[in-house]
C-alpha atoms as a PDB file:
ATOM      1  CA  MET A   1      -9.235 132.915  52.618  1.00  0.00           C
ATOM      2  CA  PHE A   2      -6.437 131.250  54.540  1.00  0.00           C
ATOM      3  CA  GLY A   3      -4.617 132.346  57.669  1.00  0.00           C
ATOM      4  CA  THR A   4      -0.965 133.114  58.175  1.00  0.00           C
ATOM      5  CA  ARG A   5       0.248 129.791  59.598  1.00  0.00           C
ATOM      6  CA  LYS A   6       2.231 127.692  57.144  1.00  0.00           C
ATOM      7  CA  LEU A   7       1.840 124.422  59.082  1.00  0.00           C
ATOM      8  CA  GLY A   8       5.065 123.012  57.641  1.00  0.00           C
ATOM      9  CA  ARG A   9       3.612 122.680  54.153  1.00  0.00           C
ATOM     10  CA  THR A  10       3.953 124.329  50.767  1.00  0.00           C
ATOM     11  CA  THR A  11       1.071 126.513  49.616  1.00  0.00           C
ATOM     12  CA  ASP A  12      -0.648 123.948  47.408  1.00  0.00           C
ATOM     13  CA  GLN A  13      -0.300 121.191  50.017  1.00  0.00           C
ATOM     14  CA  ARG A  14      -1.654 123.506  52.721  1.00  0.00           C
ATOM     15  CA  LYS A  15      -4.678 124.521  50.635  1.00  0.00           C
ATOM     16  CA  ALA A  16      -5.424 120.889  49.778  1.00  0.00           C
ATOM     17  CA  MET A  17      -5.165 119.885  53.435  1.00  0.00           C
ATOM     18  CA  LEU A  18      -7.508 122.683  54.542  1.00  0.00           C
ATOM     19  CA  ARG A  19     -10.003 121.801  51.792  1.00  0.00           C
ATOM     20  CA  GLN A  20     -10.024 118.181  52.890  1.00  0.00           C
ATOM     21  CA  GLN A  21     -10.327 118.995  56.581  1.00  0.00           C
ATOM     22  CA  ALA A  22     -13.148 121.484  55.950  1.00  0.00           C
ATOM     23  CA  THR A  23     -14.965 118.835  53.903  1.00  0.00           C
ATOM     24  CA  ALA A  24     -14.504 116.226  56.643  1.00  0.00           C
ATOM     25  CA  LEU A  25     -15.730 118.634  59.326  1.00  0.00           C
ATOM     26  CA  LEU A  26     -18.860 119.532  57.368  1.00  0.00           C
ATOM     27  CA  GLU A  27     -19.481 115.862  56.606  1.00  0.00           C
ATOM     28  CA  ASN A  28     -19.085 114.521  60.143  1.00  0.00           C
ATOM     29  CA  GLY A  29     -19.706 117.578  62.330  1.00  0.00           C
ATOM     30  CA  ARG A  30     -16.553 116.890  64.351  1.00  0.00           C
ATOM     31  CA  LEU A  31     -12.831 116.597  63.582  1.00  0.00           C
ATOM     32  CA  GLU A  32      -9.853 115.733  65.793  1.00  0.00           C
ATOM     33  CA  THR A  33      -6.607 117.328  64.648  1.00  0.00           C
ATOM     34  CA  THR A  34      -3.743 119.437  65.976  1.00  0.00           C
ATOM     35  CA  PHE A  35      -4.666 122.716  67.628  1.00  0.00           C
ATOM     36  CA  TYR A  36      -3.090 124.974  65.022  1.00  0.00           C
ATOM     37  CA  ARG A  37      -4.676 123.107  62.126  1.00  0.00           C
ATOM     38  CA  ALA A  38      -8.030 123.449  63.853  1.00  0.00           C
ATOM     39  CA  LYS A  39      -7.481 127.182  64.236  1.00  0.00           C
ATOM     40  CA  GLU A  40      -6.734 127.415  60.498  1.00  0.00           C
ATOM     41  CA  VAL A  41      -9.743 125.325  59.455  1.00  0.00           C
ATOM     42  CA  GLN A  42     -12.142 127.316  61.623  1.00  0.00           C
ATOM     43  CA  PRO A  43     -12.475 130.485  59.466  1.00  0.00           C
ATOM     44  CA  VAL A  44     -12.660 128.405  56.288  1.00  0.00           C
ATOM     45  CA  VAL A  45     -15.625 126.409  57.607  1.00  0.00           C
ATOM     46  CA  GLU A  46     -17.293 129.557  58.915  1.00  0.00           C
ATOM     47  CA  LYS A  47     -17.117 131.078  55.422  1.00  0.00           C
ATOM     48  CA  MET A  48     -18.548 127.914  53.869  1.00  0.00           C
ATOM     49  CA  ILE A  49     -21.508 128.015  56.275  1.00  0.00           C
ATOM     50  CA  SER A  50     -22.024 131.695  55.472  1.00  0.00           C
ATOM     51  CA  LEU A  51     -22.144 130.780  51.781  1.00  0.00           C
ATOM     52  CA  GLY A  52     -24.673 128.084  52.629  1.00  0.00           C
ATOM     53  CA  LYS A  53     -26.858 130.631  54.401  1.00  0.00           C
ATOM     54  CA  LYS A  54     -27.024 132.723  51.221  1.00  0.00           C
ATOM     55  CA  GLY A  55     -28.526 129.756  49.419  1.00  0.00           C
ATOM     56  CA  ASN A  56     -28.292 131.070  45.843  1.00  0.00           C
ATOM     57  CA  LEU A  57     -26.691 129.381  42.848  1.00  0.00           C
ATOM     58  CA  ALA A  58     -23.569 131.549  42.877  1.00  0.00           C
ATOM     59  CA  ALA A  59     -22.912 130.704  46.535  1.00  0.00           C
ATOM     60  CA  TYR A  60     -23.472 127.007  45.810  1.00  0.00           C
ATOM     61  CA  ARG A  61     -20.944 127.074  42.979  1.00  0.00           C
ATOM     62  CA  ARG A  62     -18.377 128.907  45.125  1.00  0.00           C
ATOM     63  CA  ALA A  63     -18.802 126.353  47.914  1.00  0.00           C
ATOM     64  CA  LEU A  64     -18.597 123.476  45.434  1.00  0.00           C
ATOM     65  CA  SER A  65     -15.344 124.853  44.035  1.00  0.00           C
ATOM     66  CA  PHE A  66     -13.808 124.533  47.514  1.00  0.00           C
ATOM     67  CA  ILE A  67     -15.515 121.474  49.035  1.00  0.00           C
ATOM     68  CA  THR A  68     -14.180 118.217  47.599  1.00  0.00           C
ATOM     69  CA  LYS A  69     -17.422 116.167  47.734  1.00  0.00           C
ATOM     70  CA  ARG A  70     -20.674 117.098  46.029  1.00  0.00           C
ATOM     71  CA  ASP A  71     -22.883 115.384  48.623  1.00  0.00           C
ATOM     72  CA  VAL A  72     -21.205 117.385  51.406  1.00  0.00           C
ATOM     73  CA  ALA A  73     -22.012 120.615  49.547  1.00  0.00           C
ATOM     74  CA  VAL A  74     -25.638 119.518  49.246  1.00  0.00           C
ATOM     75  CA  LYS A  75     -25.675 118.684  52.964  1.00  0.00           C
ATOM     76  CA  LEU A  76     -24.190 122.109  53.713  1.00  0.00           C
ATOM     77  CA  PHE A  77     -26.969 123.918  51.849  1.00  0.00           C
ATOM     78  CA  LYS A  78     -29.877 121.632  52.866  1.00  0.00           C
ATOM     79  CA  GLU A  79     -29.090 120.735  56.498  1.00  0.00           C
ATOM     80  CA  VAL A  80     -26.155 122.591  58.067  1.00  0.00           C
ATOM     81  CA  ALA A  81     -26.758 126.186  56.939  1.00  0.00           C
ATOM     82  CA  PRO A  82     -30.506 126.312  57.770  1.00  0.00           C
ATOM     83  CA  LYS A  83     -29.634 125.186  61.304  1.00  0.00           C
ATOM     84  CA  TYR A  84     -27.611 128.410  61.735  1.00  0.00           C
ATOM     85  CA  ALA A  85     -30.071 130.754  59.974  1.00  0.00           C
ATOM     86  CA  ASP A  86     -30.597 132.938  63.047  1.00  0.00           C
ATOM     87  CA  ARG A  87     -26.954 132.921  64.182  1.00  0.00           C
ATOM     88  CA  ASN A  88     -24.469 135.628  63.163  1.00  0.00           C
ATOM     89  CA  GLY A  89     -21.232 133.669  63.176  1.00  0.00           C
ATOM     90  CA  GLY A  90     -19.519 131.439  65.699  1.00  0.00           C
ATOM     91  CA  TYR A  91     -20.579 128.190  64.059  1.00  0.00           C
ATOM     92  CA  THR A  92     -17.575 126.167  65.237  1.00  0.00           C
ATOM     93  CA  ARG A  93     -15.877 125.446  68.558  1.00  0.00           C
ATOM     94  CA  VAL A  94     -12.247 124.427  69.151  1.00  0.00           C
ATOM     95  CA  THR A  95     -11.566 122.469  72.345  1.00  0.00           C
ATOM     96  CA  ARG A  96      -8.035 121.506  73.406  1.00  0.00           C
ATOM     97  CA  LEU A  97      -7.413 117.861  74.281  1.00  0.00           C
ATOM     98  CA  GLY A  98      -3.797 117.869  75.457  1.00  0.00           C
ATOM     99  CA  PRO A  99      -0.546 116.571  73.969  1.00  0.00           C
ATOM    100  CA  ARG A 100      -0.401 113.688  71.493  1.00  0.00           C
ATOM    101  CA  ARG A 101       1.501 110.652  72.739  1.00  0.00           C
ATOM    102  CA  GLY A 102       3.956 110.250  69.855  1.00  0.00           C
ATOM    103  CA  ASP A 103       5.292 113.760  69.335  1.00  0.00           C
ATOM    104  CA  ALA A 104       3.578 115.839  72.064  1.00  0.00           C
ATOM    105  CA  ALA A 105       1.711 117.983  69.512  1.00  0.00           C
ATOM    106  CA  GLU A 106      -1.175 119.888  71.080  1.00  0.00           C
ATOM    107  CA  MET A 107      -4.376 118.141  69.977  1.00  0.00           C
ATOM    108  CA  ALA A 108      -7.822 119.684  69.641  1.00  0.00           C
ATOM    109  CA  VAL A 109     -11.353 118.883  68.559  1.00  0.00           C
ATOM    110  CA  ILE A 110     -13.142 121.239  66.204  1.00  0.00           C
ATOM    111  CA  GLU A 111     -16.900 120.754  66.020  1.00  0.00           C
ATOM    112  CA  LEU A 112     -19.999 122.464  64.754  1.00  0.00           C
ATOM    113  CA  VAL A 113     -21.869 124.194  67.572  1.00  0.00           C
END
């Protein structure tokens, strides 16, 4: 479910970070982070939206086991997924913003299309 970038973290820290960022993106619709984190969060969120499009109880439980907030999972199944019912993927967009002032890390915005 996760990509190959380690992002300077151990496995459990990386999974927790991606879970939290995916939850925040689904909650707010937009997330500003580093470019490589955004590229790692993108397939995770796409899979969560695909689960939401299925709409059955098993898909809801799988999404709830990954998403950290119950109300975000409900929002995913009731609002976000029906919006993409006729779309076959490509639910998110990553846009580069430029370097961050403190450490010159490449920043990006990931948002729901």
